Amino acid sequence: MASELYAAAPRPATLLLIEGGEHNNSGAIGWVEYRSALSAFIKQNAR
């Protein structure tokens, strides 16, 4: 479903897929990736 939501999202948009991640565990196993993506988003959008 993530790919479908990403395809429908207005641009710019970013899709972060966590290898082995599922609905309930992606935050736990992908916290490094999430932190990196969030930091990049903040740097790009901070005013």
PDB file of N, CA and C in Angstrom:
ATOM      1  N   MET A   1       0.810  -1.183   0.000  1.00  0.00           N
ATOM      2  CA  MET A   1       0.000   0.000   0.000  1.00  0.00           C
ATOM      3  C   MET A   1       0.866   1.265   0.000  1.00  0.00           C
ATOM      4  N   ALA A   2       2.049   1.195   0.566  1.00  0.00           N
ATOM      5  CA  ALA A   2       2.921   2.370   0.612  1.00  0.00           C
ATOM      6  C   ALA A   2       3.226   2.887  -0.787  1.00  0.00           C
ATOM      7  N   SER A   3       3.469   1.986  -1.709  1.00  0.00           N
ATOM      8  CA  SER A   3       3.774   2.403  -3.085  1.00  0.00           C
ATOM      9  C   SER A   3       2.587   3.093  -3.732  1.00  0.00           C
ATOM     10  N   GLU A   4       1.390   2.623  -3.448  1.00  0.00           N
ATOM     11  CA  GLU A   4       0.187   3.251  -4.004  1.00  0.00           C
ATOM     12  C   GLU A   4      -0.016   4.649  -3.419  1.00  0.00           C
ATOM     13  N   LEU A   5       0.187   4.800  -2.131  1.00  0.00           N
ATOM     14  CA  LEU A   5       0.063   6.117  -1.509  1.00  0.00           C
ATOM     15  C   LEU A   5       1.112   7.076  -2.053  1.00  0.00           C
ATOM     16  N   TYR A   6       2.327   6.592  -2.211  1.00  0.00           N
ATOM     17  CA  TYR A   6       3.398   7.412  -2.762  1.00  0.00           C
ATOM     18  C   TYR A   6       3.059   7.860  -4.181  1.00  0.00           C
ATOM     19  N   ALA A   7       2.549   6.949  -4.995  1.00  0.00           N
ATOM     20  CA  ALA A   7       2.198   7.284  -6.376  1.00  0.00           C
ATOM     21  C   ALA A   7       1.107   8.349  -6.439  1.00  0.00           C
ATOM     22  N   ALA A   8       0.213   8.356  -5.463  1.00  0.00           N
ATOM     23  CA  ALA A   8      -0.890   9.313  -5.452  1.00  0.00           C
ATOM     24  C   ALA A   8      -0.536  10.627  -4.761  1.00  0.00           C
ATOM     25  N   ALA A   9       0.586  10.670  -4.060  1.00  0.00           N
ATOM     26  CA  ALA A   9       0.957  11.866  -3.293  1.00  0.00           C
ATOM     27  C   ALA A   9       1.396  12.993  -4.220  1.00  0.00           C
ATOM     28  N   PRO A  10       1.090  14.240  -3.829  1.00  0.00           N
ATOM     29  CA  PRO A  10       1.591  15.370  -4.612  1.00  0.00           C
ATOM     30  C   PRO A  10       3.116  15.444  -4.498  1.00  0.00           C
ATOM     31  N   ARG A  11       3.752  15.969  -5.490  1.00  0.00           N
ATOM     32  CA  ARG A  11       5.202  16.091  -5.507  1.00  0.00           C
ATOM     33  C   ARG A  11       5.614  17.450  -4.988  1.00  0.00           C
ATOM     34  N   PRO A  12       6.752  17.580  -4.346  1.00  0.00           N
ATOM     35  CA  PRO A  12       7.743  16.543  -4.116  1.00  0.00           C
ATOM     36  C   PRO A  12       7.295  15.575  -3.027  1.00  0.00           C
ATOM     37  N   ALA A  13       7.702  14.339  -3.146  1.00  0.00           N
ATOM     38  CA  ALA A  13       7.381  13.303  -2.168  1.00  0.00           C
ATOM     39  C   ALA A  13       8.568  12.350  -2.077  1.00  0.00           C
ATOM     40  N   THR A  14       8.668  11.681  -0.956  1.00  0.00           N
ATOM     41  CA  THR A  14       9.740  10.715  -0.738  1.00  0.00           C
ATOM     42  C   THR A  14       9.138   9.433  -0.195  1.00  0.00           C
ATOM     43  N   LEU A  15       9.628   8.319  -0.685  1.00  0.00           N
ATOM     44  CA  LEU A  15       9.180   7.017  -0.202  1.00  0.00           C
ATOM     45  C   LEU A  15      10.366   6.340   0.467  1.00  0.00           C
ATOM     46  N   LEU A  16      10.216   5.989   1.728  1.00  0.00           N
ATOM     47  CA  LEU A  16      11.255   5.293   2.468  1.00  0.00           C
ATOM     48  C   LEU A  16      10.747   3.899   2.796  1.00  0.00           C
ATOM     49  N   LEU A  17      11.359   2.906   2.179  1.00  0.00           N
ATOM     50  CA  LEU A  17      10.996   1.516   2.445  1.00  0.00           C
ATOM     51  C   LEU A  17      12.076   0.896   3.316  1.00  0.00           C
ATOM     52  N   ILE A  18      11.672   0.274   4.400  1.00  0.00           N
ATOM     53  CA  ILE A  18      12.596  -0.367   5.332  1.00  0.00           C
ATOM     54  C   ILE A  18      12.643  -1.851   5.009  1.00  0.00           C
ATOM     55  N   GLU A  19      13.831  -2.354   4.692  1.00  0.00           N
ATOM     56  CA  GLU A  19      13.971  -3.768   4.363  1.00  0.00           C
ATOM     57  C   GLU A  19      13.547  -4.616   5.557  1.00  0.00           C
ATOM     58  N   GLY A  20      12.620  -5.521   5.326  1.00  0.00           N
ATOM     59  CA  GLY A  20      12.098  -6.375   6.388  1.00  0.00           C
ATOM     60  C   GLY A  20      11.041  -5.706   7.235  1.00  0.00           C
ATOM     61  N   GLY A  21      10.750  -4.448   6.934  1.00  0.00           N
ATOM     62  CA  GLY A  21       9.776  -3.700   7.717  1.00  0.00           C
ATOM     63  C   GLY A  21       8.353  -4.036   7.346  1.00  0.00           C
ATOM     64  N   GLU A  22       7.524  -4.063   8.353  1.00  0.00           N
ATOM     65  CA  GLU A  22       6.091  -4.251   8.185  1.00  0.00           C
ATOM     66  C   GLU A  22       5.392  -3.139   8.956  1.00  0.00           C
ATOM     67  N   HIS A  23       4.090  -3.135   8.941  1.00  0.00           N
ATOM     68  CA  HIS A  23       3.320  -2.053   9.555  1.00  0.00           C
ATOM     69  C   HIS A  23       3.708  -1.812  11.014  1.00  0.00           C
ATOM     70  N   ASN A  24       3.925  -2.848  11.773  1.00  0.00           N
ATOM     71  CA  ASN A  24       4.146  -2.695  13.214  1.00  0.00           C
ATOM     72  C   ASN A  24       5.606  -2.705  13.644  1.00  0.00           C
ATOM     73  N   ASN A  25       6.546  -2.999  12.749  1.00  0.00           N
ATOM     74  CA  ASN A  25       7.921  -3.094  13.206  1.00  0.00           C
ATOM     75  C   ASN A  25       8.915  -2.204  12.462  1.00  0.00           C
ATOM     76  N   SER A  26       8.496  -1.486  11.457  1.00  0.00           N
ATOM     77  CA  SER A  26       9.458  -0.727  10.656  1.00  0.00           C
ATOM     78  C   SER A  26      10.146   0.365  11.467  1.00  0.00           C
ATOM     79  N   GLY A  27       9.454   0.970  12.416  1.00  0.00           N
ATOM     80  CA  GLY A  27      10.086   1.978  13.265  1.00  0.00           C
ATOM     81  C   GLY A  27      11.151   1.394  14.163  1.00  0.00           C
ATOM     82  N   ALA A  28      10.931   0.188  14.627  1.00  0.00           N
ATOM     83  CA  ALA A  28      11.890  -0.456  15.523  1.00  0.00           C
ATOM     84  C   ALA A  28      13.126  -0.942  14.769  1.00  0.00           C
ATOM     85  N   ILE A  29      12.942  -1.500  13.583  1.00  0.00           N
ATOM     86  CA  ILE A  29      14.097  -2.029  12.870  1.00  0.00           C
ATOM     87  C   ILE A  29      14.732  -1.008  11.927  1.00  0.00           C
ATOM     88  N   GLY A  30      14.014   0.068  11.621  1.00  0.00           N
ATOM     89  CA  GLY A  30      14.530   1.059  10.684  1.00  0.00           C
ATOM     90  C   GLY A  30      14.733   2.424  11.294  1.00  0.00           C
ATOM     91  N   TRP A  31      14.995   2.478  12.603  1.00  0.00           N
ATOM     92  CA  TRP A  31      15.082   3.780  13.261  1.00  0.00           C
ATOM     93  C   TRP A  31      16.223   4.627  12.723  1.00  0.00           C
ATOM     94  N   VAL A  32      17.321   4.013  12.316  1.00  0.00           N
ATOM     95  CA  VAL A  32      18.438   4.782  11.761  1.00  0.00           C
ATOM     96  C   VAL A  32      18.014   5.425  10.439  1.00  0.00           C
ATOM     97  N   GLU A  33      17.337   4.661   9.585  1.00  0.00           N
ATOM     98  CA  GLU A  33      16.868   5.189   8.314  1.00  0.00           C
ATOM     99  C   GLU A  33      15.835   6.292   8.510  1.00  0.00           C
ATOM    100  N   TYR A  34      14.910   6.074   9.466  1.00  0.00           N
ATOM    101  CA  TYR A  34      13.908   7.097   9.757  1.00  0.00           C
ATOM    102  C   TYR A  34      14.565   8.384  10.248  1.00  0.00           C
ATOM    103  N   ARG A  35      15.521   8.254  11.158  1.00  0.00           N
ATOM    104  CA  ARG A  35      16.196   9.438  11.699  1.00  0.00           C
ATOM    105  C   ARG A  35      16.928  10.186  10.596  1.00  0.00           C
ATOM    106  N   SER A  36      17.594   9.467   9.731  1.00  0.00           N
ATOM    107  CA  SER A  36      18.316  10.089   8.630  1.00  0.00           C
ATOM    108  C   SER A  36      17.369  10.805   7.671  1.00  0.00           C
ATOM    109  N   ALA A  37      16.260  10.144   7.321  1.00  0.00           N
ATOM    110  CA  ALA A  37      15.278  10.747   6.412  1.00  0.00           C
ATOM    111  C   ALA A  37      14.633  11.972   7.043  1.00  0.00           C
ATOM    112  N   LEU A  38      14.319  11.916   8.332  1.00  0.00           N
ATOM    113  CA  LEU A  38      13.710  13.056   9.009  1.00  0.00           C
ATOM    114  C   LEU A  38      14.686  14.222   9.092  1.00  0.00           C
ATOM    115  N   SER A  39      15.935  13.945   9.385  1.00  0.00           N
ATOM    116  CA  SER A  39      16.944  15.004   9.431  1.00  0.00           C
ATOM    117  C   SER A  39      17.099  15.674   8.071  1.00  0.00           C
ATOM    118  N   ALA A  40      17.123  14.882   7.013  1.00  0.00           N
ATOM    119  CA  ALA A  40      17.240  15.450   5.657  1.00  0.00           C
ATOM    120  C   ALA A  40      16.021  16.308   5.331  1.00  0.00           C
ATOM    121  N   PHE A  41      14.832  15.842   5.725  1.00  0.00           N
ATOM    122  CA  PHE A  41      13.614  16.609   5.473  1.00  0.00           C
ATOM    123  C   PHE A  41      13.662  17.951   6.205  1.00  0.00           C
ATOM    124  N   ILE A  42      14.077  17.945   7.449  1.00  0.00           N
ATOM    125  CA  ILE A  42      14.138  19.180   8.241  1.00  0.00           C
ATOM    126  C   ILE A  42      15.154  20.135   7.635  1.00  0.00           C
ATOM    127  N   LYS A  43      16.326  19.643   7.276  1.00  0.00           N
ATOM    128  CA  LYS A  43      17.347  20.509   6.668  1.00  0.00           C
ATOM    129  C   LYS A  43      16.848  21.120   5.370  1.00  0.00           C
ATOM    130  N   GLN A  44      16.108  20.344   4.591  1.00  0.00           N
ATOM    131  CA  GLN A  44      15.621  20.823   3.300  1.00  0.00           C
ATOM    132  C   GLN A  44      14.475  21.820   3.455  1.00  0.00           C
ATOM    133  N   ASN A  45      13.688  21.694   4.521  1.00  0.00           N
ATOM    134  CA  ASN A  45      12.479  22.498   4.649  1.00  0.00           C
ATOM    135  C   ASN A  45      12.488  23.517   5.764  1.00  0.00           C
ATOM    136  N   ALA A  46      13.561  23.598   6.530  1.00  0.00           N
ATOM    137  CA  ALA A  46      13.650  24.568   7.623  1.00  0.00           C
ATOM    138  C   ALA A  46      13.834  25.979   7.031  1.00  0.00           C
ATOM    139  N   ARG A  47      13.212  26.915   7.673  1.00  0.00           N
ATOM    140  CA  ARG A  47      13.327  28.301   7.194  1.00  0.00           C
ATOM    141  C   ARG A  47      13.970  29.165   8.228  1.00  0.00           C
TER     142      ARG A  47
END
